[in-house]
PDB file of all heavy atoms in Angstrom:
ATOM      1  N   LEU A   1       0.836  -1.193   0.000  1.00  0.00           N
ATOM      2  CA  LEU A   1       0.000   0.000   0.000  1.00  0.00           C
ATOM      3  C   LEU A   1       0.870   1.242   0.000  1.00  0.00           C
ATOM      4  O   LEU A   1       1.851   1.324   0.733  1.00  0.00           O
ATOM      5  CB  LEU A   1      -0.898   0.013   1.235  1.00  0.00           C
ATOM      6  CG  LEU A   1      -1.900  -1.127   1.387  1.00  0.00           C
ATOM      7  CD1 LEU A   1      -2.529  -1.075   2.767  1.00  0.00           C
ATOM      8  CD2 LEU A   1      -2.968  -1.036   0.310  1.00  0.00           C
ATOM      9  N   VAL A   2       0.489   2.194  -0.822  1.00  0.00           N
ATOM     10  CA  VAL A   2       1.238   3.444  -0.878  1.00  0.00           C
ATOM     11  C   VAL A   2       0.276   4.581  -1.206  1.00  0.00           C
ATOM     12  O   VAL A   2      -0.666   4.409  -1.984  1.00  0.00           O
ATOM     13  CB  VAL A   2       2.387   3.368  -1.909  1.00  0.00           C
ATOM     14  CG1 VAL A   2       1.843   3.119  -3.312  1.00  0.00           C
ATOM     15  CG2 VAL A   2       3.241   4.621  -1.870  1.00  0.00           C
ATOM     16  N   GLN A   3       0.506   5.721  -0.614  1.00  0.00           N
ATOM     17  CA  GLN A   3      -0.335   6.879  -0.872  1.00  0.00           C
ATOM     18  C   GLN A   3      -0.019   7.468  -2.233  1.00  0.00           C
ATOM     19  O   GLN A   3       1.123   7.439  -2.697  1.00  0.00           O
ATOM     20  CB  GLN A   3      -0.131   7.924   0.224  1.00  0.00           C
ATOM     21  CG  GLN A   3      -1.109   9.087   0.157  1.00  0.00           C
ATOM     22  CD  GLN A   3      -0.999  10.002   1.358  1.00  0.00           C
ATOM     23  OE1 GLN A   3      -0.018   9.955   2.096  1.00  0.00           O
ATOM     24  NE2 GLN A   3      -2.000  10.832   1.556  1.00  0.00           N
ATOM     25  N   ALA A   4      -1.033   7.995  -2.870  1.00  0.00           N
ATOM     26  CA  ALA A   4      -0.831   8.648  -4.154  1.00  0.00           C
ATOM     27  C   ALA A   4       0.253   9.707  -4.049  1.00  0.00           C
ATOM     28  O   ALA A   4       0.298  10.483  -3.092  1.00  0.00           O
ATOM     29  CB  ALA A   4      -2.140   9.274  -4.636  1.00  0.00           C
ATOM     30  N   GLY A   5       1.124   9.715  -5.046  1.00  0.00           N
ATOM     31  CA  GLY A   5       2.250  10.629  -5.041  1.00  0.00           C
ATOM     32  C   GLY A   5       3.508  10.022  -4.463  1.00  0.00           C
ATOM     33  O   GLY A   5       4.597  10.589  -4.621  1.00  0.00           O
ATOM     34  N   GLY A   6       3.370   8.896  -3.817  1.00  0.00           N
ATOM     35  CA  GLY A   6       4.499   8.239  -3.207  1.00  0.00           C
ATOM     36  C   GLY A   6       5.248   7.334  -4.166  1.00  0.00           C
ATOM     37  O   GLY A   6       4.954   7.283  -5.356  1.00  0.00           O
ATOM     38  N   SER A   7       6.201   6.614  -3.617  1.00  0.00           N
ATOM     39  CA  SER A   7       7.057   5.743  -4.410  1.00  0.00           C
ATOM     40  C   SER A   7       7.092   4.339  -3.834  1.00  0.00           C
ATOM     41  O   SER A   7       6.846   4.122  -2.645  1.00  0.00           O
ATOM     42  CB  SER A   7       8.489   6.294  -4.466  1.00  0.00           C
ATOM     43  OG  SER A   7       8.534   7.561  -5.092  1.00  0.00           O
ATOM     44  N   LEU A   8       7.423   3.416  -4.693  1.00  0.00           N
ATOM     45  CA  LEU A   8       7.538   2.019  -4.301  1.00  0.00           C
ATOM     46  C   LEU A   8       8.495   1.349  -5.276  1.00  0.00           C
ATOM     47  O   LEU A   8       8.514   1.693  -6.463  1.00  0.00           O
ATOM     48  CB  LEU A   8       6.174   1.343  -4.355  1.00  0.00           C
ATOM     49  CG  LEU A   8       5.950   0.049  -3.572  1.00  0.00           C
ATOM     50  CD1 LEU A   8       6.088   0.308  -2.078  1.00  0.00           C
ATOM     51  CD2 LEU A   8       4.572  -0.506  -3.894  1.00  0.00           C
ATOM     52  N   MET A   9       9.277   0.415  -4.787  1.00  0.00           N
ATOM     53  CA  MET A   9      10.158  -0.325  -5.671  1.00  0.00           C
ATOM     54  C   MET A   9       9.831  -1.806  -5.610  1.00  0.00           C
ATOM     55  O   MET A   9       9.812  -2.405  -4.533  1.00  0.00           O
ATOM     56  CB  MET A   9      11.633  -0.118  -5.317  1.00  0.00           C
ATOM     57  CG  MET A   9      12.570  -0.743  -6.348  1.00  0.00           C
ATOM     58  SD  MET A   9      14.327  -0.389  -6.060  1.00  0.00           S
ATOM     59  CE  MET A   9      14.653  -1.501  -4.699  1.00  0.00           C
ATOM     60  N   LEU A  10       9.584  -2.379  -6.765  1.00  0.00           N
ATOM     61  CA  LEU A  10       9.330  -3.796  -6.880  1.00  0.00           C
ATOM     62  C   LEU A  10      10.615  -4.510  -7.285  1.00  0.00           C
ATOM     63  O   LEU A  10      11.429  -3.971  -8.027  1.00  0.00           O
ATOM     64  CB  LEU A  10       8.249  -4.076  -7.925  1.00  0.00           C
ATOM     65  CG  LEU A  10       6.921  -3.340  -7.755  1.00  0.00           C
ATOM     66  CD1 LEU A  10       5.954  -3.783  -8.848  1.00  0.00           C
ATOM     67  CD2 LEU A  10       6.345  -3.581  -6.373  1.00  0.00           C
ATOM     68  N   SER A  11      10.758  -5.723  -6.809  1.00  0.00           N
ATOM     69  CA  SER A  11      11.909  -6.535  -7.153  1.00  0.00           C
ATOM     70  C   SER A  11      11.450  -7.853  -7.741  1.00  0.00           C
ATOM     71  O   SER A  11      10.382  -8.357  -7.403  1.00  0.00           O
ATOM     72  CB  SER A  11      12.775  -6.811  -5.919  1.00  0.00           C
ATOM     73  OG  SER A  11      13.275  -5.615  -5.364  1.00  0.00           O
ATOM     74  N   CYS A  12      12.258  -8.396  -8.604  1.00  0.00           N
ATOM     75  CA  CYS A  12      11.978  -9.691  -9.210  1.00  0.00           C
ATOM     76  C   CYS A  12      13.261 -10.494  -9.200  1.00  0.00           C
ATOM     77  O   CYS A  12      14.291 -10.027  -9.695  1.00  0.00           O
ATOM     78  CB  CYS A  12      11.455  -9.508 -10.633  1.00  0.00           C
ATOM     79  SG  CYS A  12      11.235 -11.043 -11.553  1.00  0.00           S
ATOM     80  N   THR A  13      13.183 -11.682  -8.651  1.00  0.00           N
ATOM     81  CA  THR A  13      14.334 -12.564  -8.573  1.00  0.00           C
ATOM     82  C   THR A  13      14.138 -13.744  -9.501  1.00  0.00           C
ATOM     83  O   THR A  13      13.092 -14.386  -9.480  1.00  0.00           O
ATOM     84  CB  THR A  13      14.541 -13.067  -7.139  1.00  0.00           C
ATOM     85  OG1 THR A  13      14.726 -11.957  -6.260  1.00  0.00           O
ATOM     86  CG2 THR A  13      15.765 -13.966  -7.063  1.00  0.00           C
ATOM     87  N   ALA A  14      15.153 -14.034 -10.293  1.00  0.00           N
ATOM     88  CA  ALA A  14      15.111 -15.162 -11.217  1.00  0.00           C
ATOM     89  C   ALA A  14      15.878 -16.338 -10.651  1.00  0.00           C
ATOM     90  O   ALA A  14      16.882 -16.167  -9.952  1.00  0.00           O
ATOM     91  CB  ALA A  14      15.688 -14.769 -12.570  1.00  0.00           C
ATOM     92  N   SER A  15      15.413 -17.523 -10.974  1.00  0.00           N
ATOM     93  CA  SER A  15      16.002 -18.741 -10.427  1.00  0.00           C
ATOM     94  C   SER A  15      17.181 -19.264 -11.230  1.00  0.00           C
ATOM     95  O   SER A  15      17.811 -20.237 -10.832  1.00  0.00           O
ATOM     96  CB  SER A  15      14.937 -19.840 -10.342  1.00  0.00           C
ATOM     97  OG  SER A  15      14.471 -20.191 -11.626  1.00  0.00           O
ATOM     98  N   THR A  16      17.484 -18.625 -12.340  1.00  0.00           N
ATOM     99  CA  THR A  16      18.533 -19.126 -13.224  1.00  0.00           C
ATOM    100  C   THR A  16      19.758 -18.229 -13.217  1.00  0.00           C
ATOM    101  O   THR A  16      19.664 -17.011 -13.124  1.00  0.00           O
ATOM    102  CB  THR A  16      18.007 -19.272 -14.662  1.00  0.00           C
ATOM    103  OG1 THR A  16      19.067 -19.726 -15.503  1.00  0.00           O
ATOM    104  CG2 THR A  16      17.498 -17.940 -15.206  1.00  0.00           C
ATOM    105  N   ARG A  17      20.919 -18.867 -13.377  1.00  0.00           N
ATOM    106  CA  ARG A  17      22.161 -18.120 -13.483  1.00  0.00           C
ATOM    107  C   ARG A  17      22.389 -17.621 -14.909  1.00  0.00           C
ATOM    108  O   ARG A  17      23.359 -16.902 -15.154  1.00  0.00           O
ATOM    109  CB  ARG A  17      23.343 -18.992 -13.049  1.00  0.00           C
ATOM    110  CG  ARG A  17      23.336 -19.370 -11.572  1.00  0.00           C
ATOM    111  CD  ARG A  17      23.415 -18.134 -10.682  1.00  0.00           C
ATOM    112  NE  ARG A  17      24.603 -17.330 -10.941  1.00  0.00           N
ATOM    113  CZ  ARG A  17      25.789 -17.534 -10.373  1.00  0.00           C
ATOM    114  NH1 ARG A  17      25.945 -18.532  -9.501  1.00  0.00           N
ATOM    115  NH2 ARG A  17      26.812 -16.747 -10.664  1.00  0.00           N
ATOM    116  N   THR A  18      21.503 -18.023 -15.823  1.00  0.00           N
ATOM    117  CA  THR A  18      21.562 -17.522 -17.184  1.00  0.00           C
ATOM    118  C   THR A  18      20.636 -16.327 -17.361  1.00  0.00           C
ATOM    119  O   THR A  18      20.209 -16.021 -18.468  1.00  0.00           O
ATOM    120  CB  THR A  18      21.191 -18.619 -18.197  1.00  0.00           C
ATOM    121  OG1 THR A  18      19.860 -19.087 -17.948  1.00  0.00           O
ATOM    122  CG2 THR A  18      22.162 -19.783 -18.091  1.00  0.00           C
ATOM    123  N   PHE A  19      20.344 -15.663 -16.280  1.00  0.00           N
ATOM    124  CA  PHE A  19      19.454 -14.509 -16.252  1.00  0.00           C
ATOM    125  C   PHE A  19      19.839 -13.468 -17.296  1.00  0.00           C
ATOM    126  O   PHE A  19      18.969 -12.831 -17.901  1.00  0.00           O
ATOM    127  CB  PHE A  19      19.485 -13.906 -14.848  1.00  0.00           C
ATOM    128  CG  PHE A  19      18.717 -12.621 -14.702  1.00  0.00           C
ATOM    129  CD1 PHE A  19      17.339 -12.625 -14.639  1.00  0.00           C
ATOM    130  CD2 PHE A  19      19.390 -11.412 -14.601  1.00  0.00           C
ATOM    131  CE1 PHE A  19      16.625 -11.446 -14.484  1.00  0.00           C
ATOM    132  CE2 PHE A  19      18.693 -10.231 -14.443  1.00  0.00           C
ATOM    133  CZ  PHE A  19      17.315 -10.249 -14.381  1.00  0.00           C
ATOM    134  N   SER A  20      21.125 -13.281 -17.510  1.00  0.00           N
ATOM    135  CA  SER A  20      21.590 -12.243 -18.417  1.00  0.00           C
ATOM    136  C   SER A  20      21.210 -12.501 -19.869  1.00  0.00           C
ATOM    137  O   SER A  20      21.338 -11.606 -20.707  1.00  0.00           O
ATOM    138  CB  SER A  20      23.105 -12.072 -18.299  1.00  0.00           C
ATOM    139  OG  SER A  20      23.784 -13.256 -18.660  1.00  0.00           O
ATOM    140  N   LYS A  21      20.738 -13.683 -20.188  1.00  0.00           N
ATOM    141  CA  LYS A  21      20.298 -13.992 -21.547  1.00  0.00           C
ATOM    142  C   LYS A  21      18.896 -13.474 -21.839  1.00  0.00           C
ATOM    143  O   LYS A  21      18.481 -13.452 -22.995  1.00  0.00           O
ATOM    144  CB  LYS A  21      20.324 -15.503 -21.787  1.00  0.00           C
ATOM    145  CG  LYS A  21      21.705 -16.128 -21.716  1.00  0.00           C
ATOM    146  CD  LYS A  21      21.623 -17.615 -21.999  1.00  0.00           C
ATOM    147  CE  LYS A  21      22.993 -18.270 -21.942  1.00  0.00           C
ATOM    148  NZ  LYS A  21      22.910 -19.728 -22.204  1.00  0.00           N
ATOM    149  N   TYR A  22      18.188 -13.084 -20.809  1.00  0.00           N
ATOM    150  CA  TYR A  22      16.783 -12.737 -20.957  1.00  0.00           C
ATOM    151  C   TYR A  22      16.522 -11.250 -20.878  1.00  0.00           C
ATOM    152  O   TYR A  22      17.041 -10.546 -20.012  1.00  0.00           O
ATOM    153  CB  TYR A  22      15.955 -13.444 -19.885  1.00  0.00           C
ATOM    154  CG  TYR A  22      15.999 -14.942 -19.986  1.00  0.00           C
ATOM    155  CD1 TYR A  22      16.875 -15.678 -19.197  1.00  0.00           C
ATOM    156  CD2 TYR A  22      15.168 -15.611 -20.876  1.00  0.00           C
ATOM    157  CE1 TYR A  22      16.928 -17.053 -19.297  1.00  0.00           C
ATOM    158  CE2 TYR A  22      15.220 -16.997 -20.974  1.00  0.00           C
ATOM    159  CZ  TYR A  22      16.103 -17.707 -20.183  1.00  0.00           C
ATOM    160  OH  TYR A  22      16.145 -19.075 -20.287  1.00  0.00           O
ATOM    161  N   ASN A  23      15.696 -10.797 -21.804  1.00  0.00           N
ATOM    162  CA  ASN A  23      15.086  -9.497 -21.651  1.00  0.00           C
ATOM    163  C   ASN A  23      14.043  -9.623 -20.541  1.00  0.00           C
ATOM    164  O   ASN A  23      13.379 -10.648 -20.419  1.00  0.00           O
ATOM    165  CB  ASN A  23      14.405  -9.070 -22.948  1.00  0.00           C
ATOM    166  CG  ASN A  23      15.358  -9.107 -24.117  1.00  0.00           C
ATOM    167  OD1 ASN A  23      16.283  -8.303 -24.204  1.00  0.00           O
ATOM    168  ND2 ASN A  23      15.127 -10.030 -25.043  1.00  0.00           N
ATOM    169  N   MET A  24      13.909  -8.587 -19.751  1.00  0.00           N
ATOM    170  CA  MET A  24      12.992  -8.637 -18.618  1.00  0.00           C
ATOM    171  C   MET A  24      12.028  -7.469 -18.673  1.00  0.00           C
ATOM    172  O   MET A  24      12.332  -6.415 -19.245  1.00  0.00           O
ATOM    173  CB  MET A  24      13.763  -8.607 -17.299  1.00  0.00           C
ATOM    174  CG  MET A  24      14.763  -9.739 -17.122  1.00  0.00           C
ATOM    175  SD  MET A  24      13.969 -11.362 -17.041  1.00  0.00           S
ATOM    176  CE  MET A  24      13.006 -11.185 -15.528  1.00  0.00           C
ATOM    177  N   GLY A  25      10.887  -7.664 -18.067  1.00  0.00           N
ATOM    178  CA  GLY A  25       9.914  -6.591 -18.078  1.00  0.00           C
ATOM    179  C   GLY A  25       8.849  -6.749 -17.019  1.00  0.00           C
ATOM    180  O   GLY A  25       8.891  -7.665 -16.191  1.00  0.00           O
ATOM    181  N   TRP A  26       7.907  -5.825 -17.068  1.00  0.00           N
ATOM    182  CA  TRP A  26       6.796  -5.814 -16.129  1.00  0.00           C
ATOM    183  C   TRP A  26       5.488  -5.591 -16.860  1.00  0.00           C
ATOM    184  O   TRP A  26       5.397  -4.744 -17.758  1.00  0.00           O
ATOM    185  CB  TRP A  26       6.980  -4.713 -15.077  1.00  0.00           C
ATOM    186  CG  TRP A  26       8.156  -4.923 -14.186  1.00  0.00           C
ATOM    187  CD1 TRP A  26       9.437  -4.522 -14.403  1.00  0.00           C
ATOM    188  CD2 TRP A  26       8.150  -5.582 -12.917  1.00  0.00           C
ATOM    189  NE1 TRP A  26      10.241  -4.897 -13.350  1.00  0.00           N
ATOM    190  CE2 TRP A  26       9.479  -5.549 -12.424  1.00  0.00           C
ATOM    191  CE3 TRP A  26       7.163  -6.201 -12.152  1.00  0.00           C
ATOM    192  CZ2 TRP A  26       9.837  -6.104 -11.202  1.00  0.00           C
ATOM    193  CZ3 TRP A  26       7.509  -6.760 -10.934  1.00  0.00           C
ATOM    194  CH2 TRP A  26       8.836  -6.705 -10.479  1.00  0.00           C
ATOM    195  N   PHE A  27       4.490  -6.357 -16.480  1.00  0.00           N
ATOM    196  CA  PHE A  27       3.118  -6.157 -16.892  1.00  0.00           C
ATOM    197  C   PHE A  27       2.283  -5.952 -15.642  1.00  0.00           C
ATOM    198  O   PHE A  27       2.723  -6.268 -14.536  1.00  0.00           O
ATOM    199  CB  PHE A  27       2.590  -7.364 -17.676  1.00  0.00           C
ATOM    200  CG  PHE A  27       2.996  -7.380 -19.122  1.00  0.00           C
ATOM    201  CD1 PHE A  27       4.292  -7.689 -19.497  1.00  0.00           C
ATOM    202  CD2 PHE A  27       2.074  -7.091 -20.118  1.00  0.00           C
ATOM    203  CE1 PHE A  27       4.665  -7.712 -20.824  1.00  0.00           C
ATOM    204  CE2 PHE A  27       2.434  -7.116 -21.459  1.00  0.00           C
ATOM    205  CZ  PHE A  27       3.734  -7.419 -21.809  1.00  0.00           C
ATOM    206  N   ARG A  28       1.096  -5.446 -15.823  1.00  0.00           N
ATOM    207  CA  ARG A  28       0.202  -5.286 -14.692  1.00  0.00           C
ATOM    208  C   ARG A  28      -1.229  -5.563 -15.124  1.00  0.00           C
ATOM    209  O   ARG A  28      -1.569  -5.458 -16.301  1.00  0.00           O
ATOM    210  CB  ARG A  28       0.310  -3.888 -14.080  1.00  0.00           C
ATOM    211  CG  ARG A  28      -0.164  -2.760 -14.995  1.00  0.00           C
ATOM    212  CD  ARG A  28       0.126  -1.403 -14.359  1.00  0.00           C
ATOM    213  NE  ARG A  28      -0.344  -0.307 -15.180  1.00  0.00           N
ATOM    214  CZ  ARG A  28      -0.128   0.970 -14.912  1.00  0.00           C
ATOM    215  NH1 ARG A  28       0.556   1.317 -13.822  1.00  0.00           N
ATOM    216  NH2 ARG A  28      -0.594   1.914 -15.717  1.00  0.00           N
ATOM    217  N   GLN A  29      -2.050  -5.901 -14.143  1.00  0.00           N
ATOM    218  CA  GLN A  29      -3.450  -6.163 -14.428  1.00  0.00           C
ATOM    219  C   GLN A  29      -4.312  -5.725 -13.253  1.00  0.00           C
ATOM    220  O   GLN A  29      -4.064  -6.112 -12.115  1.00  0.00           O
ATOM    221  CB  GLN A  29      -3.692  -7.637 -14.729  1.00  0.00           C
ATOM    222  CG  GLN A  29      -5.101  -7.933 -15.210  1.00  0.00           C
ATOM    223  CD  GLN A  29      -5.234  -9.308 -15.818  1.00  0.00           C
ATOM    224  OE1 GLN A  29      -4.448 -10.204 -15.540  1.00  0.00           O
ATOM    225  NE2 GLN A  29      -6.230  -9.473 -16.670  1.00  0.00           N
TER     226      GLN A  29
END
């Protein structure tokens, strides 16, 4: 939860050591 105007940082951890091979992104719904 965050108030309008505020900030938040999301993190995503990958299970593979070949992470650098992948383009990464975010979707929302």
